[in-house]
Amino acid sequence: MILQILKVLGCVGTILTGLLGAFRPSAVPGFTGVEPTGPRGVTEIRSIFGGLFIGVGAFPLVLNAPMAYQMLGVMYLAIAAARLVSMLVDGSWRESSNIISLAVEIVLGVLLVL
């Protein structure tokens, strides 16, 4: 029961992140370091950090199937793997925001895959 509640909270957190990206794209640079360049950049933030995160966060809740939660978990683990490689290759492993993001992605990934 606790695990299912945590999975739902992971989905809700994903949706909230998406809502922030969709409706307040100016807030995204503060927690990602990604700066939009002109209207095209804002559109990318709204679509990827917004629409994509809303969709992948809502899908497991709508479908309510274990595999849907697991797919969201795999997404977070893939993001964490790419982030870890990038942190090492790009030399950004000392940035606390990267370490926090990596930890959150691993925790959510493992939690949702279980």
PDB file of N, CA and C in Angstrom:
ATOM      1  N   MET A   1       0.823  -1.193   0.000  1.00  0.00           N
ATOM      2  CA  MET A   1       0.000   0.000   0.000  1.00  0.00           C
ATOM      3  C   MET A   1       0.875   1.268   0.000  1.00  0.00           C
ATOM      4  N   ILE A   2       1.906   1.300   0.854  1.00  0.00           N
ATOM      5  CA  ILE A   2       2.809   2.459   0.918  1.00  0.00           C
ATOM      6  C   ILE A   2       3.529   2.633  -0.419  1.00  0.00           C
ATOM      7  N   LEU A   3       3.984   1.533  -1.020  1.00  0.00           N
ATOM      8  CA  LEU A   3       4.690   1.607  -2.294  1.00  0.00           C
ATOM      9  C   LEU A   3       3.786   2.222  -3.372  1.00  0.00           C
ATOM     10  N   GLN A   4       2.522   1.810  -3.396  1.00  0.00           N
ATOM     11  CA  GLN A   4       1.600   2.356  -4.399  1.00  0.00           C
ATOM     12  C   GLN A   4       1.378   3.852  -4.168  1.00  0.00           C
ATOM     13  N   ILE A   5       1.275   4.271  -2.928  1.00  0.00           N
ATOM     14  CA  ILE A   5       1.118   5.704  -2.621  1.00  0.00           C
ATOM     15  C   ILE A   5       2.344   6.471  -3.101  1.00  0.00           C
ATOM     16  N   LEU A   6       3.536   5.926  -2.870  1.00  0.00           N
ATOM     17  CA  LEU A   6       4.766   6.586  -3.316  1.00  0.00           C
ATOM     18  C   LEU A   6       4.833   6.662  -4.837  1.00  0.00           C
ATOM     19  N   LYS A   7       4.358   5.627  -5.512  1.00  0.00           N
ATOM     20  CA  LYS A   7       4.323   5.645  -6.975  1.00  0.00           C
ATOM     21  C   LYS A   7       3.385   6.733  -7.480  1.00  0.00           C
ATOM     22  N   VAL A   8       2.227   6.832  -6.858  1.00  0.00           N
ATOM     23  CA  VAL A   8       1.267   7.882  -7.244  1.00  0.00           C
ATOM     24  C   VAL A   8       1.885   9.257  -7.001  1.00  0.00           C
ATOM     25  N   LEU A   9       2.553   9.420  -5.866  1.00  0.00           N
ATOM     26  CA  LEU A   9       3.212  10.700  -5.583  1.00  0.00           C
ATOM     27  C   LEU A   9       4.305  10.997  -6.608  1.00  0.00           C
ATOM     28  N   GLY A  10       5.017   9.979  -7.076  1.00  0.00           N
ATOM     29  CA  GLY A  10       6.008  10.166  -8.126  1.00  0.00           C
ATOM     30  C   GLY A  10       5.368  10.657  -9.412  1.00  0.00           C
ATOM     31  N   CYS A  11       4.217  10.096  -9.738  1.00  0.00           N
ATOM     32  CA  CYS A  11       3.479  10.536 -10.927  1.00  0.00           C
ATOM     33  C   CYS A  11       2.990  11.970 -10.758  1.00  0.00           C
ATOM     34  N   VAL A  12       2.446  12.275  -9.589  1.00  0.00           N
ATOM     35  CA  VAL A  12       1.952  13.625  -9.323  1.00  0.00           C
ATOM     36  C   VAL A  12       3.104  14.632  -9.395  1.00  0.00           C
ATOM     37  N   GLY A  13       4.248  14.280  -8.833  1.00  0.00           N
ATOM     38  CA  GLY A  13       5.420  15.157  -8.913  1.00  0.00           C
ATOM     39  C   GLY A  13       5.861  15.388 -10.346  1.00  0.00           C
ATOM     40  N   THR A  14       5.782  14.349 -11.151  1.00  0.00           N
ATOM     41  CA  THR A  14       6.124  14.466 -12.572  1.00  0.00           C
ATOM     42  C   THR A  14       5.144  15.415 -13.269  1.00  0.00           C
ATOM     43  N   ILE A  15       3.866  15.257 -12.974  1.00  0.00           N
ATOM     44  CA  ILE A  15       2.841  16.135 -13.555  1.00  0.00           C
ATOM     45  C   ILE A  15       3.057  17.575 -13.110  1.00  0.00           C
ATOM     46  N   LEU A  16       3.343  17.785 -11.822  1.00  0.00           N
ATOM     47  CA  LEU A  16       3.566  19.146 -11.320  1.00  0.00           C
ATOM     48  C   LEU A  16       4.778  19.791 -11.994  1.00  0.00           C
ATOM     49  N   THR A  17       5.834  19.004 -12.210  1.00  0.00           N
ATOM     50  CA  THR A  17       6.992  19.511 -12.931  1.00  0.00           C
ATOM     51  C   THR A  17       6.578  19.930 -14.339  1.00  0.00           C
ATOM     52  N   GLY A  18       5.751  19.102 -14.968  1.00  0.00           N
ATOM     53  CA  GLY A  18       5.254  19.416 -16.299  1.00  0.00           C
ATOM     54  C   GLY A  18       4.397  20.663 -16.326  1.00  0.00           C
ATOM     55  N   LEU A  19       3.544  20.814 -15.334  1.00  0.00           N
ATOM     56  CA  LEU A  19       2.698  22.012 -15.272  1.00  0.00           C
ATOM     57  C   LEU A  19       3.544  23.262 -15.111  1.00  0.00           C
ATOM     58  N   LEU A  20       4.585  23.170 -14.313  1.00  0.00           N
ATOM     59  CA  LEU A  20       5.492  24.303 -14.152  1.00  0.00           C
ATOM     60  C   LEU A  20       6.148  24.649 -15.488  1.00  0.00           C
ATOM     61  N   GLY A  21       6.628  23.632 -16.188  1.00  0.00           N
ATOM     62  CA  GLY A  21       7.257  23.865 -17.485  1.00  0.00           C
ATOM     63  C   GLY A  21       6.292  24.427 -18.514  1.00  0.00           C
ATOM     64  N   ALA A  22       5.063  23.964 -18.480  1.00  0.00           N
ATOM     65  CA  ALA A  22       4.068  24.398 -19.465  1.00  0.00           C
ATOM     66  C   ALA A  22       3.571  25.815 -19.204  1.00  0.00           C
ATOM     67  N   PHE A  23       3.347  26.130 -17.933  1.00  0.00           N
ATOM     68  CA  PHE A  23       2.705  27.408 -17.618  1.00  0.00           C
ATOM     69  C   PHE A  23       3.629  28.471 -17.053  1.00  0.00           C
ATOM     70  N   ARG A  24       4.826  28.069 -16.625  1.00  0.00           N
ATOM     71  CA  ARG A  24       5.820  29.034 -16.147  1.00  0.00           C
ATOM     72  C   ARG A  24       7.189  28.675 -16.695  1.00  0.00           C
ATOM     73  N   PRO A  25       7.339  28.711 -18.007  1.00  0.00           N
ATOM     74  CA  PRO A  25       8.625  28.325 -18.590  1.00  0.00           C
ATOM     75  C   PRO A  25       9.787  29.178 -18.100  1.00  0.00           C
ATOM     76  N   SER A  26       9.493  30.364 -17.613  1.00  0.00           N
ATOM     77  CA  SER A  26      10.562  31.219 -17.087  1.00  0.00           C
ATOM     78  C   SER A  26      11.157  30.656 -15.798  1.00  0.00           C
ATOM     79  N   ALA A  27      10.461  29.726 -15.141  1.00  0.00           N
ATOM     80  CA  ALA A  27      10.969  29.121 -13.908  1.00  0.00           C
ATOM     81  C   ALA A  27      11.907  27.953 -14.191  1.00  0.00           C
ATOM     82  N   VAL A  28      11.846  27.387 -15.376  1.00  0.00           N
ATOM     83  CA  VAL A  28      12.629  26.191 -15.703  1.00  0.00           C
ATOM     84  C   VAL A  28      14.137  26.419 -15.629  1.00  0.00           C
ATOM     85  N   PRO A  29      14.660  27.548 -16.124  1.00  0.00           N
ATOM     86  CA  PRO A  29      16.117  27.733 -16.027  1.00  0.00           C
ATOM     87  C   PRO A  29      16.642  27.647 -14.589  1.00  0.00           C
ATOM     88  N   GLY A  30      15.830  28.020 -13.617  1.00  0.00           N
ATOM     89  CA  GLY A  30      16.262  27.980 -12.230  1.00  0.00           C
ATOM     90  C   GLY A  30      16.565  26.589 -11.718  1.00  0.00           C
ATOM     91  N   PHE A  31      15.855  25.573 -12.233  1.00  0.00           N
ATOM     92  CA  PHE A  31      16.121  24.228 -11.735  1.00  0.00           C
ATOM     93  C   PHE A  31      16.725  23.298 -12.789  1.00  0.00           C
ATOM     94  N   THR A  32      16.933  23.799 -14.003  1.00  0.00           N
ATOM     95  CA  THR A  32      17.568  22.954 -15.018  1.00  0.00           C
ATOM     96  C   THR A  32      18.843  23.546 -15.588  1.00  0.00           C
ATOM     97  N   GLY A  33      18.965  24.863 -15.541  1.00  0.00           N
ATOM     98  CA  GLY A  33      20.096  25.508 -16.186  1.00  0.00           C
ATOM     99  C   GLY A  33      19.875  25.717 -17.672  1.00  0.00           C
ATOM    100  N   VAL A  34      18.742  25.270 -18.177  1.00  0.00           N
ATOM    101  CA  VAL A  34      18.414  25.420 -19.591  1.00  0.00           C
ATOM    102  C   VAL A  34      17.782  26.788 -19.801  1.00  0.00           C
ATOM    103  N   GLU A  35      18.421  27.587 -20.641  1.00  0.00           N
ATOM    104  CA  GLU A  35      17.932  28.940 -20.933  1.00  0.00           C
ATOM    105  C   GLU A  35      17.327  28.972 -22.333  1.00  0.00           C
ATOM    106  N   PRO A  36      16.070  29.388 -22.447  1.00  0.00           N
ATOM    107  CA  PRO A  36      15.486  29.497 -23.787  1.00  0.00           C
ATOM    108  C   PRO A  36      16.073  30.694 -24.534  1.00  0.00           C
ATOM    109  N   THR A  37      16.242  30.514 -25.827  1.00  0.00           N
ATOM    110  CA  THR A  37      16.699  31.605 -26.676  1.00  0.00           C
ATOM    111  C   THR A  37      15.547  31.958 -27.604  1.00  0.00           C
ATOM    112  N   GLY A  38      14.814  32.982 -27.253  1.00  0.00           N
ATOM    113  CA  GLY A  38      13.700  33.434 -28.073  1.00  0.00           C
ATOM    114  C   GLY A  38      12.473  32.560 -27.933  1.00  0.00           C
ATOM    115  N   PRO A  39      11.456  32.868 -28.722  1.00  0.00           N
ATOM    116  CA  PRO A  39      10.181  32.153 -28.645  1.00  0.00           C
ATOM    117  C   PRO A  39      10.314  30.652 -28.928  1.00  0.00           C
ATOM    118  N   ARG A  40      11.210  30.266 -29.818  1.00  0.00           N
ATOM    119  CA  ARG A  40      11.398  28.840 -30.130  1.00  0.00           C
ATOM    120  C   ARG A  40      11.877  28.070 -28.902  1.00  0.00           C
ATOM    121  N   GLY A  41      12.782  28.661 -28.139  1.00  0.00           N
ATOM    122  CA  GLY A  41      13.268  28.026 -26.921  1.00  0.00           C
ATOM    123  C   GLY A  41      12.178  27.880 -25.875  1.00  0.00           C
ATOM    124  N   VAL A  42      11.328  28.893 -25.755  1.00  0.00           N
ATOM    125  CA  VAL A  42      10.209  28.825 -24.803  1.00  0.00           C
ATOM    126  C   VAL A  42       9.254  27.711 -25.219  1.00  0.00           C
ATOM    127  N   THR A  43       9.019  27.580 -26.515  1.00  0.00           N
ATOM    128  CA  THR A  43       8.149  26.509 -27.010  1.00  0.00           C
ATOM    129  C   THR A  43       8.720  25.136 -26.670  1.00  0.00           C
ATOM    130  N   GLU A  44      10.032  24.972 -26.787  1.00  0.00           N
ATOM    131  CA  GLU A  44      10.654  23.702 -26.430  1.00  0.00           C
ATOM    132  C   GLU A  44      10.473  23.391 -24.947  1.00  0.00           C
ATOM    133  N   ILE A  45      10.644  24.399 -24.111  1.00  0.00           N
ATOM    134  CA  ILE A  45      10.446  24.193 -22.675  1.00  0.00           C
ATOM    135  C   ILE A  45       8.999  23.798 -22.400  1.00  0.00           C
ATOM    136  N   ARG A  46       8.057  24.506 -22.984  1.00  0.00           N
ATOM    137  CA  ARG A  46       6.634  24.179 -22.767  1.00  0.00           C
ATOM    138  C   ARG A  46       6.298  22.773 -23.258  1.00  0.00           C
ATOM    139  N   SER A  47       6.864  22.391 -24.402  1.00  0.00           N
ATOM    140  CA  SER A  47       6.506  21.086 -24.970  1.00  0.00           C
ATOM    141  C   SER A  47       7.214  19.921 -24.281  1.00  0.00           C
ATOM    142  N   ILE A  48       8.512  20.035 -24.042  1.00  0.00           N
ATOM    143  CA  ILE A  48       9.259  18.923 -23.458  1.00  0.00           C
ATOM    144  C   ILE A  48       9.143  18.893 -21.936  1.00  0.00           C
ATOM    145  N   PHE A  49       9.531  19.988 -21.269  1.00  0.00           N
ATOM    146  CA  PHE A  49       9.434  20.023 -19.805  1.00  0.00           C
ATOM    147  C   PHE A  49       7.979  20.133 -19.351  1.00  0.00           C
ATOM    148  N   GLY A  50       7.111  20.582 -20.240  1.00  0.00           N
ATOM    149  CA  GLY A  50       5.696  20.717 -19.920  1.00  0.00           C
ATOM    150  C   GLY A  50       4.896  19.527 -20.389  1.00  0.00           C
ATOM    151  N   GLY A  51       4.585  19.515 -21.673  1.00  0.00           N
ATOM    152  CA  GLY A  51       3.697  18.492 -22.225  1.00  0.00           C
ATOM    153  C   GLY A  51       4.158  17.069 -22.012  1.00  0.00           C
ATOM    154  N   LEU A  52       5.423  16.809 -22.266  1.00  0.00           N
ATOM    155  CA  LEU A  52       5.937  15.449 -22.107  1.00  0.00           C
ATOM    156  C   LEU A  52       5.821  14.976 -20.659  1.00  0.00           C
ATOM    157  N   PHE A  53       6.227  15.824 -19.724  1.00  0.00           N
ATOM    158  CA  PHE A  53       6.176  15.418 -18.314  1.00  0.00           C
ATOM    159  C   PHE A  53       4.742  15.269 -17.816  1.00  0.00           C
ATOM    160  N   ILE A  54       3.845  16.109 -18.287  1.00  0.00           N
ATOM    161  CA  ILE A  54       2.432  15.945 -17.919  1.00  0.00           C
ATOM    162  C   ILE A  54       1.920  14.604 -18.445  1.00  0.00           C
ATOM    163  N   GLY A  55       2.214  14.318 -19.710  1.00  0.00           N
ATOM    164  CA  GLY A  55       1.729  13.082 -20.320  1.00  0.00           C
ATOM    165  C   GLY A  55       2.275  11.826 -19.680  1.00  0.00           C
ATOM    166  N   VAL A  56       3.587  11.766 -19.483  1.00  0.00           N
ATOM    167  CA  VAL A  56       4.169  10.542 -18.916  1.00  0.00           C
ATOM    168  C   VAL A  56       3.839  10.391 -17.435  1.00  0.00           C
ATOM    169  N   GLY A  57       3.571  11.512 -16.761  1.00  0.00           N
ATOM    170  CA  GLY A  57       3.162  11.423 -15.360  1.00  0.00           C
ATOM    171  C   GLY A  57       1.708  10.999 -15.200  1.00  0.00           C
ATOM    172  N   ALA A  58       0.858  11.448 -16.114  1.00  0.00           N
ATOM    173  CA  ALA A  58      -0.575  11.147 -16.023  1.00  0.00           C
ATOM    174  C   ALA A  58      -0.903   9.741 -16.518  1.00  0.00           C
ATOM    175  N   PHE A  59      -0.160   9.258 -17.506  1.00  0.00           N
ATOM    176  CA  PHE A  59      -0.491   7.978 -18.127  1.00  0.00           C
ATOM    177  C   PHE A  59      -0.601   6.818 -17.132  1.00  0.00           C
ATOM    178  N   PRO A  60       0.355   6.629 -16.222  1.00  0.00           N
ATOM    179  CA  PRO A  60       0.210   5.527 -15.262  1.00  0.00           C
ATOM    180  C   PRO A  60      -1.026   5.687 -14.366  1.00  0.00           C
ATOM    181  N   LEU A  61      -1.358   6.924 -14.025  1.00  0.00           N
ATOM    182  CA  LEU A  61      -2.526   7.147 -13.178  1.00  0.00           C
ATOM    183  C   LEU A  61      -3.818   6.801 -13.919  1.00  0.00           C
ATOM    184  N   VAL A  62      -3.872   7.143 -15.199  1.00  0.00           N
ATOM    185  CA  VAL A  62      -5.057   6.858 -16.010  1.00  0.00           C
ATOM    186  C   VAL A  62      -5.167   5.362 -16.284  1.00  0.00           C
ATOM    187  N   LEU A  63      -4.080   4.757 -16.687  1.00  0.00           N
ATOM    188  CA  LEU A  63      -4.090   3.341 -17.042  1.00  0.00           C
ATOM    189  C   LEU A  63      -4.143   2.443 -15.805  1.00  0.00           C
ATOM    190  N   ASN A  64      -3.478   2.871 -14.741  1.00  0.00           N
ATOM    191  CA  ASN A  64      -3.396   2.116 -13.490  1.00  0.00           C
ATOM    192  C   ASN A  64      -2.939   0.672 -13.711  1.00  0.00           C
ATOM    193  N   ALA A  65      -1.869   0.547 -14.487  1.00  0.00           N
ATOM    194  CA  ALA A  65      -1.283  -0.765 -14.759  1.00  0.00           C
ATOM    195  C   ALA A  65       0.178  -0.743 -14.320  1.00  0.00           C
ATOM    196  N   PRO A  66       0.648  -1.826 -13.711  1.00  0.00           N
ATOM    197  CA  PRO A  66       2.036  -1.865 -13.245  1.00  0.00           C
ATOM    198  C   PRO A  66       3.049  -1.485 -14.319  1.00  0.00           C
ATOM    199  N   MET A  67       2.843  -1.945 -15.549  1.00  0.00           N
ATOM    200  CA  MET A  67       3.812  -1.662 -16.599  1.00  0.00           C
ATOM    201  C   MET A  67       3.886  -0.169 -16.916  1.00  0.00           C
ATOM    202  N   ALA A  68       2.791   0.560 -16.757  1.00  0.00           N
ATOM    203  CA  ALA A  68       2.812   2.002 -17.017  1.00  0.00           C
ATOM    204  C   ALA A  68       3.684   2.708 -15.973  1.00  0.00           C
ATOM    205  N   TYR A  69       3.566   2.313 -14.715  1.00  0.00           N
ATOM    206  CA  TYR A  69       4.429   2.879 -13.669  1.00  0.00           C
ATOM    207  C   TYR A  69       5.884   2.510 -13.935  1.00  0.00           C
ATOM    208  N   GLN A  70       6.103   1.262 -14.347  1.00  0.00           N
ATOM    209  CA  GLN A  70       7.461   0.809 -14.623  1.00  0.00           C
ATOM    210  C   GLN A  70       8.081   1.582 -15.783  1.00  0.00           C
ATOM    211  N   MET A  71       7.282   1.884 -16.797  1.00  0.00           N
ATOM    212  CA  MET A  71       7.820   2.637 -17.931  1.00  0.00           C
ATOM    213  C   MET A  71       8.259   4.023 -17.494  1.00  0.00           C
ATOM    214  N   LEU A  72       7.473   4.664 -16.634  1.00  0.00           N
ATOM    215  CA  LEU A  72       7.885   5.965 -16.105  1.00  0.00           C
ATOM    216  C   LEU A  72       9.186   5.818 -15.310  1.00  0.00           C
ATOM    217  N   GLY A  73       9.292   4.743 -14.548  1.00  0.00           N
ATOM    218  CA  GLY A  73      10.525   4.484 -13.806  1.00  0.00           C
ATOM    219  C   GLY A  73      11.718   4.282 -14.720  1.00  0.00           C
ATOM    220  N   VAL A  74      11.525   3.541 -15.801  1.00  0.00           N
ATOM    221  CA  VAL A  74      12.599   3.338 -16.775  1.00  0.00           C
ATOM    222  C   VAL A  74      13.017   4.674 -17.386  1.00  0.00           C
ATOM    223  N   MET A  75      12.037   5.539 -17.645  1.00  0.00           N
ATOM    224  CA  MET A  75      12.354   6.860 -18.184  1.00  0.00           C
ATOM    225  C   MET A  75      13.270   7.619 -17.221  1.00  0.00           C
ATOM    226  N   TYR A  76      12.909   7.615 -15.932  1.00  0.00           N
ATOM    227  CA  TYR A  76      13.738   8.311 -14.946  1.00  0.00           C
ATOM    228  C   TYR A  76      15.130   7.687 -14.840  1.00  0.00           C
ATOM    229  N   LEU A  77      15.220   6.372 -14.900  1.00  0.00           N
ATOM    230  CA  LEU A  77      16.532   5.724 -14.827  1.00  0.00           C
ATOM    231  C   LEU A  77      17.367   6.023 -16.070  1.00  0.00           C
ATOM    232  N   ALA A  78      16.724   6.107 -17.231  1.00  0.00           N
ATOM    233  CA  ALA A  78      17.453   6.464 -18.456  1.00  0.00           C
ATOM    234  C   ALA A  78      17.955   7.902 -18.382  1.00  0.00           C
ATOM    235  N   ILE A  79      17.126   8.792 -17.855  1.00  0.00           N
ATOM    236  CA  ILE A  79      17.555  10.183 -17.669  1.00  0.00           C
ATOM    237  C   ILE A  79      18.741  10.220 -16.704  1.00  0.00           C
ATOM    238  N   ALA A  80      18.654   9.450 -15.611  1.00  0.00           N
ATOM    239  CA  ALA A  80      19.741   9.422 -14.628  1.00  0.00           C
ATOM    240  C   ALA A  80      21.028   8.895 -15.255  1.00  0.00           C
ATOM    241  N   ALA A  81      20.924   7.851 -16.065  1.00  0.00           N
ATOM    242  CA  ALA A  81      22.114   7.290 -16.713  1.00  0.00           C
ATOM    243  C   ALA A  81      22.752   8.310 -17.656  1.00  0.00           C
ATOM    244  N   ALA A  82      21.920   8.968 -18.455  1.00  0.00           N
ATOM    245  CA  ALA A  82      22.440   9.985 -19.374  1.00  0.00           C
ATOM    246  C   ALA A  82      23.042  11.157 -18.606  1.00  0.00           C
ATOM    247  N   ARG A  83      22.393  11.541 -17.504  1.00  0.00           N
ATOM    248  CA  ARG A  83      22.911  12.641 -16.684  1.00  0.00           C
ATOM    249  C   ARG A  83      24.266  12.270 -16.084  1.00  0.00           C
ATOM    250  N   LEU A  84      24.376  11.054 -15.561  1.00  0.00           N
ATOM    251  CA  LEU A  84      25.633  10.625 -14.941  1.00  0.00           C
ATOM    252  C   LEU A  84      26.781  10.639 -15.952  1.00  0.00           C
ATOM    253  N   VAL A  85      26.536  10.096 -17.126  1.00  0.00           N
ATOM    254  CA  VAL A  85      27.573  10.102 -18.166  1.00  0.00           C
ATOM    255  C   VAL A  85      27.929  11.550 -18.521  1.00  0.00           C
ATOM    256  N   SER A  86      26.917  12.373 -18.698  1.00  0.00           N
ATOM    257  CA  SER A  86      27.156  13.770 -19.047  1.00  0.00           C
ATOM    258  C   SER A  86      27.911  14.502 -17.944  1.00  0.00           C
ATOM    259  N   MET A  87      27.566  14.237 -16.692  1.00  0.00           N
ATOM    260  CA  MET A  87      28.257  14.879 -15.578  1.00  0.00           C
ATOM    261  C   MET A  87      29.747  14.551 -15.609  1.00  0.00           C
ATOM    262  N   LEU A  88      30.075  13.315 -15.932  1.00  0.00           N
ATOM    263  CA  LEU A  88      31.473  12.894 -15.973  1.00  0.00           C
ATOM    264  C   LEU A  88      32.185  13.435 -17.212  1.00  0.00           C
ATOM    265  N   VAL A  89      31.530  13.342 -18.362  1.00  0.00           N
ATOM    266  CA  VAL A  89      32.145  13.793 -19.614  1.00  0.00           C
ATOM    267  C   VAL A  89      32.270  15.311 -19.656  1.00  0.00           C
ATOM    268  N   ASP A  90      31.222  16.004 -19.224  1.00  0.00           N
ATOM    269  CA  ASP A  90      31.186  17.463 -19.309  1.00  0.00           C
ATOM    270  C   ASP A  90      31.796  18.159 -18.099  1.00  0.00           C
ATOM    271  N   GLY A  91      32.136  17.389 -17.074  1.00  0.00           N
ATOM    272  CA  GLY A  91      32.748  17.976 -15.887  1.00  0.00           C
ATOM    273  C   GLY A  91      31.789  18.746 -14.998  1.00  0.00           C
ATOM    274  N   SER A  92      30.509  18.399 -15.049  1.00  0.00           N
ATOM    275  CA  SER A  92      29.529  19.122 -14.225  1.00  0.00           C
ATOM    276  C   SER A  92      29.139  18.333 -12.971  1.00  0.00           C
ATOM    277  N   TRP A  93      29.963  17.370 -12.584  1.00  0.00           N
ATOM    278  CA  TRP A  93      29.642  16.519 -11.447  1.00  0.00           C
ATOM    279  C   TRP A  93      29.746  17.237 -10.110  1.00  0.00           C
ATOM    280  N   ARG A  94      30.323  18.409 -10.078  1.00  0.00           N
ATOM    281  CA  ARG A  94      30.437  19.157  -8.822  1.00  0.00           C
ATOM    282  C   ARG A  94      29.236  20.069  -8.570  1.00  0.00           C
ATOM    283  N   GLU A  95      28.388  20.224  -9.551  1.00  0.00           N
ATOM    284  CA  GLU A  95      27.237  21.121  -9.392  1.00  0.00           C
ATOM    285  C   GLU A  95      26.165  20.430  -8.560  1.00  0.00           C
ATOM    286  N   SER A  96      25.800  21.056  -7.466  1.00  0.00           N
ATOM    287  CA  SER A  96      24.845  20.441  -6.541  1.00  0.00           C
ATOM    288  C   SER A  96      23.498  20.176  -7.196  1.00  0.00           C
ATOM    289  N   SER A  97      23.066  21.034  -8.112  1.00  0.00           N
ATOM    290  CA  SER A  97      21.771  20.808  -8.759  1.00  0.00           C
ATOM    291  C   SER A  97      21.792  19.531  -9.592  1.00  0.00           C
ATOM    292  N   ASN A  98      22.930  19.207 -10.180  1.00  0.00           N
ATOM    293  CA  ASN A  98      23.053  17.956 -10.935  1.00  0.00           C
ATOM    294  C   ASN A  98      23.003  16.757 -10.005  1.00  0.00           C
ATOM    295  N   ILE A  99      23.657  16.855  -8.878  1.00  0.00           N
ATOM    296  CA  ILE A  99      23.671  15.751  -7.909  1.00  0.00           C
ATOM    297  C   ILE A  99      22.273  15.524  -7.348  1.00  0.00           C
ATOM    298  N   ILE A 100      21.570  16.603  -7.034  1.00  0.00           N
ATOM    299  CA  ILE A 100      20.196  16.494  -6.525  1.00  0.00           C
ATOM    300  C   ILE A 100      19.293  15.872  -7.584  1.00  0.00           C
ATOM    301  N   SER A 101      19.394  16.359  -8.814  1.00  0.00           N
ATOM    302  CA  SER A 101      18.573  15.804  -9.903  1.00  0.00           C
ATOM    303  C   SER A 101      18.859  14.321 -10.094  1.00  0.00           C
ATOM    304  N   LEU A 102      20.131  13.959 -10.088  1.00  0.00           N
ATOM    305  CA  LEU A 102      20.516  12.561 -10.257  1.00  0.00           C
ATOM    306  C   LEU A 102      19.913  11.693  -9.149  1.00  0.00           C
ATOM    307  N   ALA A 103      20.005  12.155  -7.917  1.00  0.00           N
ATOM    308  CA  ALA A 103      19.461  11.396  -6.791  1.00  0.00           C
ATOM    309  C   ALA A 103      17.946  11.231  -6.913  1.00  0.00           C
ATOM    310  N   VAL A 104      17.257  12.301  -7.255  1.00  0.00           N
ATOM    311  CA  VAL A 104      15.796  12.245  -7.405  1.00  0.00           C
ATOM    312  C   VAL A 104      15.418  11.282  -8.523  1.00  0.00           C
ATOM    313  N   GLU A 105      16.127  11.351  -9.637  1.00  0.00           N
ATOM    314  CA  GLU A 105      15.829  10.475 -10.771  1.00  0.00           C
ATOM    315  C   GLU A 105      16.054   9.004 -10.424  1.00  0.00           C
ATOM    316  N   ILE A 106      17.114   8.717  -9.697  1.00  0.00           N
ATOM    317  CA  ILE A 106      17.384   7.329  -9.309  1.00  0.00           C
ATOM    318  C   ILE A 106      16.323   6.844  -8.333  1.00  0.00           C
ATOM    319  N   VAL A 107      15.998   7.640  -7.345  1.00  0.00           N
ATOM    320  CA  VAL A 107      14.982   7.233  -6.357  1.00  0.00           C
ATOM    321  C   VAL A 107      13.641   7.019  -7.036  1.00  0.00           C
ATOM    322  N   LEU A 108      13.196   7.987  -7.849  1.00  0.00           N
ATOM    323  CA  LEU A 108      11.918   7.829  -8.534  1.00  0.00           C
ATOM    324  C   LEU A 108      11.969   6.628  -9.482  1.00  0.00           C
ATOM    325  N   GLY A 109      13.067   6.480 -10.192  1.00  0.00           N
ATOM    326  CA  GLY A 109      13.181   5.367 -11.136  1.00  0.00           C
ATOM    327  C   GLY A 109      13.048   4.024 -10.445  1.00  0.00           C
ATOM    328  N   VAL A 110      13.801   3.816  -9.393  1.00  0.00           N
ATOM    329  CA  VAL A 110      13.757   2.553  -8.672  1.00  0.00           C
ATOM    330  C   VAL A 110      12.368   2.332  -8.064  1.00  0.00           C
ATOM    331  N   LEU A 111      11.836   3.360  -7.443  1.00  0.00           N
ATOM    332  CA  LEU A 111      10.523   3.271  -6.811  1.00  0.00           C
ATOM    333  C   LEU A 111       9.444   2.882  -7.820  1.00  0.00           C
ATOM    334  N   LEU A 112       9.467   3.489  -8.984  1.00  0.00           N
ATOM    335  CA  LEU A 112       8.430   3.232  -9.979  1.00  0.00           C
ATOM    336  C   LEU A 112       8.618   1.883 -10.696  1.00  0.00           C
ATOM    337  N   VAL A 113       9.841   1.404 -10.767  1.00  0.00           N
ATOM    338  CA  VAL A 113      10.087   0.116 -11.417  1.00  0.00           C
ATOM    339  C   VAL A 113       9.658  -1.041 -10.523  1.00  0.00           C
ATOM    340  N   LEU A 114       9.735  -0.872  -9.213  1.00  0.00           N
ATOM    341  CA  LEU A 114       9.372  -1.960  -8.270  1.00  0.00           C
ATOM    342  C   LEU A 114       7.920  -2.373  -8.393  1.00  0.00           C
TER     343      LEU A 114
END
